[in-house]
C-alpha atoms as a PDB file:
ATOM      1  CA  MET A   1      -2.431   0.036  20.798  1.00  0.00           C
ATOM      2  CA  THR A   2       0.184   0.613  18.035  1.00  0.00           C
ATOM      3  CA  ASP A   3       0.943   4.137  16.520  1.00  0.00           C
ATOM      4  CA  LEU A   4      -0.871   2.953  13.387  1.00  0.00           C
ATOM      5  CA  ASN A   5      -3.966   2.810  15.499  1.00  0.00           C
ATOM      6  CA  VAL A   6      -3.759   6.101  17.003  1.00  0.00           C
ATOM      7  CA  ILE A   7      -5.120   8.923  15.007  1.00  0.00           C
ATOM      8  CA  LEU A   8      -4.320  12.620  15.658  1.00  0.00           C
ATOM      9  CA  ALA A   9      -7.271  14.769  14.498  1.00  0.00           C
ATOM     10  CA  ASP A  10      -8.359  18.413  14.866  1.00  0.00           C
ATOM     11  CA  ILE A  11     -11.801  19.715  15.305  1.00  0.00           C
ATOM     12  CA  ARG A  12     -12.997  21.773  12.229  1.00  0.00           C
ATOM     13  CA  GLU A  13     -15.470  24.535  12.225  1.00  0.00           C
ATOM     14  CA  ASP A  14     -15.259  25.330   8.347  1.00  0.00           C
ATOM     15  CA  VAL A  15     -17.609  22.761   6.431  1.00  0.00           C
ATOM     16  CA  GLY A  16     -18.691  22.395   2.706  1.00  0.00           C
ATOM     17  CA  LYS A  17     -17.070  21.600  -0.322  1.00  0.00           C
ATOM     18  CA  GLY A  18     -15.144  24.498  -0.586  1.00  0.00           C
ATOM     19  CA  ALA A  19     -13.619  23.967   2.782  1.00  0.00           C
ATOM     20  CA  SER A  20     -12.923  20.414   2.116  1.00  0.00           C
ATOM     21  CA  ARG A  21     -10.933  21.095  -1.102  1.00  0.00           C
ATOM     22  CA  ARG A  22      -8.737  23.749   0.768  1.00  0.00           C
ATOM     23  CA  LEU A  23      -7.893  20.890   3.363  1.00  0.00           C
ATOM     24  CA  ARG A  24      -6.983  18.675   0.930  1.00  0.00           C
ATOM     25  CA  ARG A  25      -4.833  21.163  -0.947  1.00  0.00           C
ATOM     26  CA  GLN A  26      -3.374  21.591   2.522  1.00  0.00           C
ATOM     27  CA  GLY A  27      -2.300  17.880   2.762  1.00  0.00           C
ATOM     28  CA  HIS A  28      -5.395  17.009   5.079  1.00  0.00           C
ATOM     29  CA  ILE A  29      -8.447  14.765   5.022  1.00  0.00           C
ATOM     30  CA  PRO A  30     -11.873  15.930   6.062  1.00  0.00           C
ATOM     31  CA  ALA A  31     -13.471  13.404   8.258  1.00  0.00           C
ATOM     32  CA  VAL A  32     -16.854  12.766  10.317  1.00  0.00           C
ATOM     33  CA  LEU A  33     -17.331  11.161  13.648  1.00  0.00           C
ATOM     34  CA  TYR A  34     -20.540   9.877  14.643  1.00  0.00           C
ATOM     35  CA  GLY A  35     -22.502   7.290  16.650  1.00  0.00           C
ATOM     36  CA  GLY A  36     -23.176   6.672  20.277  1.00  0.00           C
ATOM     37  CA  LYS A  37     -24.984   9.046  22.107  1.00  0.00           C
ATOM     38  CA  LYS A  38     -23.164  12.383  21.345  1.00  0.00           C
ATOM     39  CA  ASP A  39     -23.506  14.747  18.253  1.00  0.00           C
ATOM     40  CA  PRO A  40     -21.666  14.219  14.916  1.00  0.00           C
ATOM     41  CA  ALA A  41     -18.157  16.016  14.904  1.00  0.00           C
ATOM     42  CA  THR A  42     -16.234  17.226  12.040  1.00  0.00           C
ATOM     43  CA  LEU A  43     -12.505  16.487  11.959  1.00  0.00           C
ATOM     44  CA  THR A  44      -9.318  17.145   9.899  1.00  0.00           C
ATOM     45  CA  ILE A  45      -6.713  14.561   9.703  1.00  0.00           C
ATOM     46  CA  GLU A  46      -3.154  14.935   8.279  1.00  0.00           C
ATOM     47  CA  HIS A  47      -3.346  13.003   4.979  1.00  0.00           C
ATOM     48  CA  ASP A  48       0.148  11.205   4.869  1.00  0.00           C
ATOM     49  CA  PRO A  49       0.118   9.480   8.190  1.00  0.00           C
ATOM     50  CA  LEU A  50      -3.211   8.247   7.641  1.00  0.00           C
ATOM     51  CA  MET A  51      -2.553   7.051   4.274  1.00  0.00           C
ATOM     52  CA  HIS A  52       0.091   4.998   5.731  1.00  0.00           C
ATOM     53  CA  ALA A  53      -2.275   3.513   8.628  1.00  0.00           C
ATOM     54  CA  ALA A  54      -4.728   2.880   5.743  1.00  0.00           C
ATOM     55  CA  SER A  55      -2.519   0.629   3.796  1.00  0.00           C
ATOM     56  CA  GLN A  56      -2.598  -1.854   6.654  1.00  0.00           C
ATOM     57  CA  GLU A  57      -5.284  -4.644   6.586  1.00  0.00           C
ATOM     58  CA  SER A  58      -5.870  -4.103  10.364  1.00  0.00           C
ATOM     59  CA  PHE A  59      -6.880  -0.529   9.970  1.00  0.00           C
ATOM     60  CA  TYR A  60     -10.180  -1.530   8.574  1.00  0.00           C
ATOM     61  CA  SER A  61     -10.921  -4.264  11.243  1.00  0.00           C
ATOM     62  CA  SER A  62      -9.327  -2.814  14.376  1.00  0.00           C
ATOM     63  CA  ILE A  63     -10.570  -0.372  17.118  1.00  0.00           C
ATOM     64  CA  LEU A  64      -8.783   2.868  16.476  1.00  0.00           C
ATOM     65  CA  GLU A  65      -8.069   5.781  18.827  1.00  0.00           C
ATOM     66  CA  ILE A  66      -8.789   9.387  17.770  1.00  0.00           C
ATOM     67  CA  ARG A  67      -6.764  12.025  19.585  1.00  0.00           C
ATOM     68  CA  VAL A  68      -7.860  15.754  19.409  1.00  0.00           C
ATOM     69  CA  ALA A  69      -5.400  18.548  20.123  1.00  0.00           C
ATOM     70  CA  ASP A  70      -7.295  19.488  23.426  1.00  0.00           C
ATOM     71  CA  GLY A  71      -6.557  15.925  24.664  1.00  0.00           C
ATOM     72  CA  ARG A  72      -9.896  14.438  24.204  1.00  0.00           C
ATOM     73  CA  THR A  73      -9.790  10.560  23.040  1.00  0.00           C
ATOM     74  CA  GLN A  74     -12.498   8.460  21.441  1.00  0.00           C
ATOM     75  CA  LYS A  75     -12.291   4.467  20.359  1.00  0.00           C
ATOM     76  CA  VAL A  76     -13.637   4.318  16.849  1.00  0.00           C
ATOM     77  CA  VAL A  77     -14.037   1.897  13.949  1.00  0.00           C
ATOM     78  CA  VAL A  78     -13.685   2.921  10.274  1.00  0.00           C
ATOM     79  CA  ARG A  79     -17.170   2.714   8.642  1.00  0.00           C
ATOM     80  CA  ASP A  80     -16.271   4.361   5.333  1.00  0.00           C
ATOM     81  CA  VAL A  81     -13.492   5.498   3.320  1.00  0.00           C
ATOM     82  CA  HIS A  82     -13.505   7.532  -0.052  1.00  0.00           C
ATOM     83  CA  HIS A  83     -10.472   7.275  -2.402  1.00  0.00           C
ATOM     84  CA  HIS A  84      -9.617   9.534  -5.107  1.00  0.00           C
ATOM     85  CA  PRO A  85     -10.552   7.834  -8.309  1.00  0.00           C
ATOM     86  CA  TYR A  86      -6.978   7.419  -9.606  1.00  0.00           C
ATOM     87  CA  LYS A  87      -4.545   9.253  -7.315  1.00  0.00           C
ATOM     88  CA  PRO A  88      -3.235   7.661  -4.161  1.00  0.00           C
ATOM     89  CA  GLN A  89      -5.363   9.989  -1.964  1.00  0.00           C
ATOM     90  CA  ILE A  90      -7.789   9.446   0.673  1.00  0.00           C
ATOM     91  CA  MET A  91     -10.708  12.269   0.119  1.00  0.00           C
ATOM     92  CA  HIS A  92     -12.867  11.669   3.119  1.00  0.00           C
ATOM     93  CA  LEU A  93     -13.504   9.290   6.097  1.00  0.00           C
ATOM     94  CA  ASP A  94     -16.286   8.417   8.503  1.00  0.00           C
ATOM     95  CA  PHE A  95     -15.472   7.015  11.824  1.00  0.00           C
ATOM     96  CA  MET A  96     -18.149   5.395  14.348  1.00  0.00           C
ATOM     97  CA  ARG A  97     -17.833   5.742  17.854  1.00  0.00           C
ATOM     98  CA  VAL A  98     -17.537   2.482  19.576  1.00  0.00           C
ATOM     99  CA  SER A  99     -18.501   1.366  23.631  1.00  0.00           C
ATOM    100  CA  ALA A 100     -16.752  -1.310  25.521  1.00  0.00           C
ATOM    101  CA  GLU A 101     -19.971  -2.464  26.555  1.00  0.00           C
ATOM    102  CA  GLU A 102     -21.844  -2.813  23.257  1.00  0.00           C
ATOM    103  CA  ILE A 103     -21.519  -5.611  20.922  1.00  0.00           C
ATOM    104  CA  LEU A 104     -19.894  -4.678  17.482  1.00  0.00           C
ATOM    105  CA  LYS A 105     -20.470  -6.113  14.063  1.00  0.00           C
ATOM    106  CA  MET A 106     -17.684  -5.881  11.881  1.00  0.00           C
ATOM    107  CA  SER A 107     -16.324  -7.590   8.545  1.00  0.00           C
ATOM    108  CA  VAL A 108     -12.789  -8.873   9.426  1.00  0.00           C
ATOM    109  CA  PRO A 109     -10.439 -10.485   6.616  1.00  0.00           C
ATOM    110  CA  ILE A 110     -10.165 -14.433   6.271  1.00  0.00           C
ATOM    111  CA  HIS A 111      -6.370 -15.559   6.398  1.00  0.00           C
ATOM    112  CA  PHE A 112      -6.291 -18.893   4.556  1.00  0.00           C
ATOM    113  CA  VAL A 113      -3.297 -20.939   5.824  1.00  0.00           C
ATOM    114  CA  GLY A 114      -1.900 -24.352   5.420  1.00  0.00           C
ATOM    115  CA  GLU A 115      -2.655 -24.671   1.750  1.00  0.00           C
ATOM    116  CA  ASP A 116       0.780 -25.809   0.714  1.00  0.00           C
ATOM    117  CA  GLU A 117       1.191 -28.335   3.343  1.00  0.00           C
ATOM    118  CA  SER A 118      -2.640 -29.872   2.345  1.00  0.00           C
ATOM    119  CA  GLU A 119      -3.088 -33.007   0.238  1.00  0.00           C
ATOM    120  CA  ALA A 120      -4.969 -30.709  -2.215  1.00  0.00           C
ATOM    121  CA  GLY A 121      -1.957 -28.156  -2.617  1.00  0.00           C
ATOM    122  CA  LYS A 122       0.503 -30.746  -3.786  1.00  0.00           C
ATOM    123  CA  ILE A 123      -1.888 -32.239  -6.589  1.00  0.00           C
ATOM    124  CA  SER A 124      -0.889 -31.003 -10.084  1.00  0.00           C
ATOM    125  CA  GLY A 125      -4.018 -29.291 -11.943  1.00  0.00           C
ATOM    126  CA  LEU A 126      -5.963 -28.907  -8.911  1.00  0.00           C
ATOM    127  CA  ILE A 127      -6.537 -25.262  -7.410  1.00  0.00           C
ATOM    128  CA  ILE A 128      -7.913 -24.631  -4.192  1.00  0.00           C
ATOM    129  CA  GLN A 129     -10.503 -21.860  -4.792  1.00  0.00           C
ATOM    130  CA  HIS A 130     -11.048 -19.090  -1.861  1.00  0.00           C
ATOM    131  CA  LEU A 131     -14.736 -18.294  -2.055  1.00  0.00           C
ATOM    132  CA  VAL A 132     -14.977 -15.483   0.350  1.00  0.00           C
ATOM    133  CA  THR A 133     -12.408 -12.826   1.586  1.00  0.00           C
ATOM    134  CA  GLU A 134     -14.188 -11.429   4.782  1.00  0.00           C
ATOM    135  CA  ILE A 135     -16.880 -12.519   6.895  1.00  0.00           C
ATOM    136  CA  GLU A 136     -19.098 -10.333   9.311  1.00  0.00           C
ATOM    137  CA  ILE A 137     -18.590 -11.165  13.151  1.00  0.00           C
ATOM    138  CA  ALA A 138     -20.075  -9.839  16.274  1.00  0.00           C
ATOM    139  CA  ALA A 139     -17.964  -9.155  19.112  1.00  0.00           C
ATOM    140  CA  LEU A 140     -17.434  -6.873  21.965  1.00  0.00           C
ATOM    141  CA  PRO A 141     -14.588  -4.335  21.114  1.00  0.00           C
ATOM    142  CA  GLU A 142     -11.970  -6.100  23.464  1.00  0.00           C
ATOM    143  CA  ASN A 143     -12.592  -9.391  21.474  1.00  0.00           C
ATOM    144  CA  LEU A 144     -12.605  -8.086  18.132  1.00  0.00           C
ATOM    145  CA  PRO A 145      -9.980  -9.915  15.976  1.00  0.00           C
ATOM    146  CA  GLU A 146      -7.984  -8.196  13.360  1.00  0.00           C
ATOM    147  CA  TYR A 147      -8.802 -11.449  11.044  1.00  0.00           C
ATOM    148  CA  LEU A 148      -9.732 -14.726  11.125  1.00  0.00           C
ATOM    149  CA  ASP A 149      -7.373 -17.871  10.308  1.00  0.00           C
ATOM    150  CA  VAL A 150      -8.848 -20.703   8.218  1.00  0.00           C
ATOM    151  CA  ASP A 151      -6.792 -23.870   8.416  1.00  0.00           C
ATOM    152  CA  LEU A 152      -6.512 -25.720   4.937  1.00  0.00           C
ATOM    153  CA  SER A 153      -3.823 -28.137   5.775  1.00  0.00           C
ATOM    154  CA  ASN A 154      -6.275 -30.971   6.072  1.00  0.00           C
ATOM    155  CA  LEU A 155      -8.004 -30.369   2.919  1.00  0.00           C
ATOM    156  CA  GLU A 156      -8.279 -32.982   0.133  1.00  0.00           C
ATOM    157  CA  GLU A 157      -8.900 -33.507  -3.196  1.00  0.00           C
ATOM    158  CA  GLY A 158     -12.699 -33.072  -3.495  1.00  0.00           C
ATOM    159  CA  GLY A 159     -12.978 -31.546  -0.312  1.00  0.00           C
ATOM    160  CA  VAL A 160     -14.784 -28.382   0.951  1.00  0.00           C
ATOM    161  CA  VAL A 161     -14.392 -25.946   3.557  1.00  0.00           C
ATOM    162  CA  LEU A 162     -17.573 -24.603   5.353  1.00  0.00           C
ATOM    163  CA  LEU A 163     -18.274 -21.311   7.438  1.00  0.00           C
ATOM    164  CA  THR A 164     -18.979 -23.836  10.424  1.00  0.00           C
ATOM    165  CA  ASP A 165     -15.628 -25.207  10.121  1.00  0.00           C
ATOM    166  CA  ILE A 166     -13.742 -21.768  11.394  1.00  0.00           C
ATOM    167  CA  LYS A 167     -12.399 -21.987  14.730  1.00  0.00           C
ATOM    168  CA  LEU A 168     -13.532 -18.729  16.372  1.00  0.00           C
ATOM    169  CA  PRO A 169     -11.821 -16.975  19.302  1.00  0.00           C
ATOM    170  CA  GLU A 170     -13.507 -16.546  22.932  1.00  0.00           C
ATOM    171  CA  GLY A 171     -16.197 -14.079  22.630  1.00  0.00           C
ATOM    172  CA  VAL A 172     -16.560 -14.105  18.999  1.00  0.00           C
ATOM    173  CA  GLU A 173     -19.710 -15.072  16.834  1.00  0.00           C
ATOM    174  CA  ILE A 174     -20.650 -15.221  13.303  1.00  0.00           C
ATOM    175  CA  PRO A 175     -24.324 -13.564  12.707  1.00  0.00           C
ATOM    176  CA  ALA A 176     -24.785 -15.698   9.765  1.00  0.00           C
ATOM    177  CA  LEU A 177     -24.692 -18.720  11.734  1.00  0.00           C
ATOM    178  CA  ALA A 178     -27.131 -17.829  14.528  1.00  0.00           C
ATOM    179  CA  GLY A 179     -30.512 -19.497  14.865  1.00  0.00           C
ATOM    180  CA  ASP A 180     -31.519 -23.048  14.223  1.00  0.00           C
ATOM    181  CA  ASP A 181     -31.953 -23.251  10.544  1.00  0.00           C
ATOM    182  CA  VAL A 182     -28.232 -22.501   9.490  1.00  0.00           C
ATOM    183  CA  GLU A 183     -27.289 -22.859   5.843  1.00  0.00           C
ATOM    184  CA  GLU A 184     -24.214 -24.396   5.188  1.00  0.00           C
ATOM    185  CA  ILE A 185     -21.989 -21.683   3.240  1.00  0.00           C
ATOM    186  CA  MET A 186     -18.776 -22.902   1.467  1.00  0.00           C
ATOM    187  CA  ILE A 187     -15.965 -20.773   1.845  1.00  0.00           C
ATOM    188  CA  ALA A 188     -13.248 -22.764   0.079  1.00  0.00           C
ATOM    189  CA  ASN A 189     -13.170 -25.878  -2.299  1.00  0.00           C
ATOM    190  CA  THR A 190     -10.969 -27.788  -4.713  1.00  0.00           C
ATOM    191  CA  VAL A 191     -11.557 -27.611  -8.439  1.00  0.00           C
ATOM    192  CA  HIS A 192      -9.560 -29.428 -11.545  1.00  0.00           C
ATOM    193  CA  ILE A 193      -8.340 -27.507 -14.157  1.00  0.00           C
ATOM    194  CA  LYS A 194      -8.586 -29.306 -17.633  1.00  0.00           C
ATOM    195  CA  GLU A 195      -5.806 -29.371 -20.027  1.00  0.00           C
ATOM    196  CA  SER A 196      -7.955 -27.266 -22.328  1.00  0.00           C
ATOM    197  CA  GLN A 197      -8.269 -24.600 -19.681  1.00  0.00           C
ATOM    198  CA  GLY A 198      -4.412 -23.939 -19.624  1.00  0.00           C
ATOM    199  CA  THR A 199      -2.825 -22.243 -16.728  1.00  0.00           C
ATOM    200  CA  GLY A 200      -2.551 -18.909 -15.415  1.00  0.00           C
ATOM    201  CA  ALA A 201      -5.173 -16.066 -14.571  1.00  0.00           C
ATOM    202  CA  ALA A 202      -7.522 -17.232 -17.325  1.00  0.00           C
ATOM    203  CA  ALA A 203      -7.456 -20.887 -16.207  1.00  0.00           C
ATOM    204  CA  ALA A 204      -8.056 -19.369 -12.499  1.00  0.00           C
ATOM    205  CA  GLU A 205     -10.991 -17.482 -13.544  1.00  0.00           C
ATOM    206  CA  GLU A 206     -12.637 -20.516 -15.586  1.00  0.00           C
ATOM    207  CA  ALA A 207     -12.146 -22.617 -12.556  1.00  0.00           C
ATOM    208  CA  ALA A 208     -13.533 -19.889 -10.347  1.00  0.00           C
ATOM    209  CA  GLU A 209     -16.592 -19.736 -12.337  1.00  0.00           C
ATOM    210  CA  ALA A 210     -17.166 -23.375 -12.136  1.00  0.00           C
ATOM    211  CA  ALA A 211     -16.733 -23.195  -8.474  1.00  0.00           C
ATOM    212  CA  LEU A 212     -19.317 -20.465  -8.223  1.00  0.00           C
ATOM    213  CA  GLU A 213     -21.705 -22.606 -10.497  1.00  0.00           C
ATOM    214  CA  ALA A 214     -21.220 -25.661  -8.595  1.00  0.00           C
ATOM    215  CA  ALA A 215     -22.021 -23.676  -5.375  1.00  0.00           C
ATOM    216  CA  GLY A 216     -25.347 -22.432  -7.025  1.00  0.00           C
ATOM    217  CA  GLU A 217     -26.388 -25.589  -7.934  1.00  0.00           C
ATOM    218  CA  ALA A 218     -25.921 -27.063  -4.382  1.00  0.00           C
ATOM    219  CA  GLY A 219     -28.079 -24.136  -3.247  1.00  0.00           C
ATOM    220  CA  ILE A 220     -25.116 -22.003  -1.540  1.00  0.00           C
ATOM    221  CA  GLU A 221     -25.450 -18.550  -1.929  1.00  0.00           C
ATOM    222  CA  ASP A 222     -23.705 -15.471  -1.058  1.00  0.00           C
ATOM    223  CA  VAL A 223     -20.177 -16.542  -2.107  1.00  0.00           C
ATOM    224  CA  GLU A 224     -17.569 -14.589  -3.318  1.00  0.00           C
ATOM    225  CA  VAL A 225     -14.644 -15.511  -5.343  1.00  0.00           C
ATOM    226  CA  GLU A 226     -11.501 -13.982  -3.968  1.00  0.00           C
ATOM    227  CA  GLY A 227     -10.054 -10.919  -6.219  1.00  0.00           C
ATOM    228  CA  GLU A 228     -13.797 -10.152  -7.239  1.00  0.00           C
ATOM    229  CA  GLY A 229     -15.717  -7.073  -5.667  1.00  0.00           C
ATOM    230  CA  GLU A 230     -12.482  -5.900  -4.062  1.00  0.00           C
ATOM    231  CA  GLY A 231     -12.493  -2.209  -2.933  1.00  0.00           C
ATOM    232  CA  GLU A 232     -16.022  -2.251  -2.242  1.00  0.00           C
ATOM    233  CA  ASP A 233     -17.194  -0.973   1.164  1.00  0.00           C
ATOM    234  CA  GLU A 234     -17.921  -3.905   3.186  1.00  0.00           C
ATOM    235  CA  ALA A 235     -17.836  -2.400   6.470  1.00  0.00           C
ATOM    236  CA  ALA A 236     -20.800  -0.028   5.546  1.00  0.00           C
ATOM    237  CA  THR A 237     -23.323   0.518   8.231  1.00  0.00           C
ATOM    238  CA  ASP A 238     -26.973   1.122   7.983  1.00  0.00           C
ATOM    239  CA  GLU A 239     -26.768   3.944  10.709  1.00  0.00           C
ATOM    240  CA  PRO A 240     -27.057   7.167   8.767  1.00  0.00           C
ATOM    241  CA  VAL A 241     -23.919   9.665   8.551  1.00  0.00           C
ATOM    242  CA  ALA A 242     -24.524  13.182   9.583  1.00  0.00           C
ATOM    243  CA  ASP A 243     -25.716  15.245   6.678  1.00  0.00           C
ATOM    244  CA  ASP A 244     -22.717  17.584   6.719  1.00  0.00           C
ATOM    245  CA  SER A 245     -20.505  14.593   5.865  1.00  0.00           C
ATOM    246  CA  GLU A 246     -22.100  14.487   2.577  1.00  0.00           C
ATOM    247  CA  ALA A 247     -21.865  18.057   2.059  1.00  0.00           C
ATOM    248  CA  ASP A 248     -18.087  17.640   2.464  1.00  0.00           C
ATOM    249  CA  LYS A 249     -17.607  14.961  -0.251  1.00  0.00           C
ATOM    250  CA  ASP A 250     -17.025  15.876  -3.581  1.00  0.00           C
END
């Protein structure tokens, strides 16, 4: 476990909006730890080291370790992060306890690789669209990957990559593919840019809209164009957070 995956924290007794504001002014972040068979715990974490750790993609899809001053440790995952609307500041964090024996559902990022080596990547006027940026997986904590690679090196003009094409590590499953009646979900495809579309961001956006329209006509749902919806909390859980966490947020 790297230093970025270890979070030093203190137990806090003073809760409420006023207490949270004082913590932030002192350079700390209020946080809540919940889940498992233990009661929720309120924590305080130094802001700058946590902000540095949170700048890494793996922070949101890895098993982290919280260490408190009295020596206790707890394996956790991030469930919610509240950022300041415009300042580079984390306002509040929710962590969930994990057990080594329980399967964990997490959203992990997708890394598309081999695009430049593919036939499609060498054709002028052809764009390879990434239709999803992350996928929910299920695995025991010890098998949880930080990300999944999607190999595009064999992608040809007119080709598509489906969710079922992802090669999963041992012990990892995709819940969306469970069951007998599995809908094919497209995660990447190729789209031609017309001369009238020009180049740059506007052309890419228009091509993206065309890709989504084509996916809809094919009966494929729940696709997401890379760059849209970023910053939303994909790792939200249905498990309720302790009431005092809501009181701490402002």
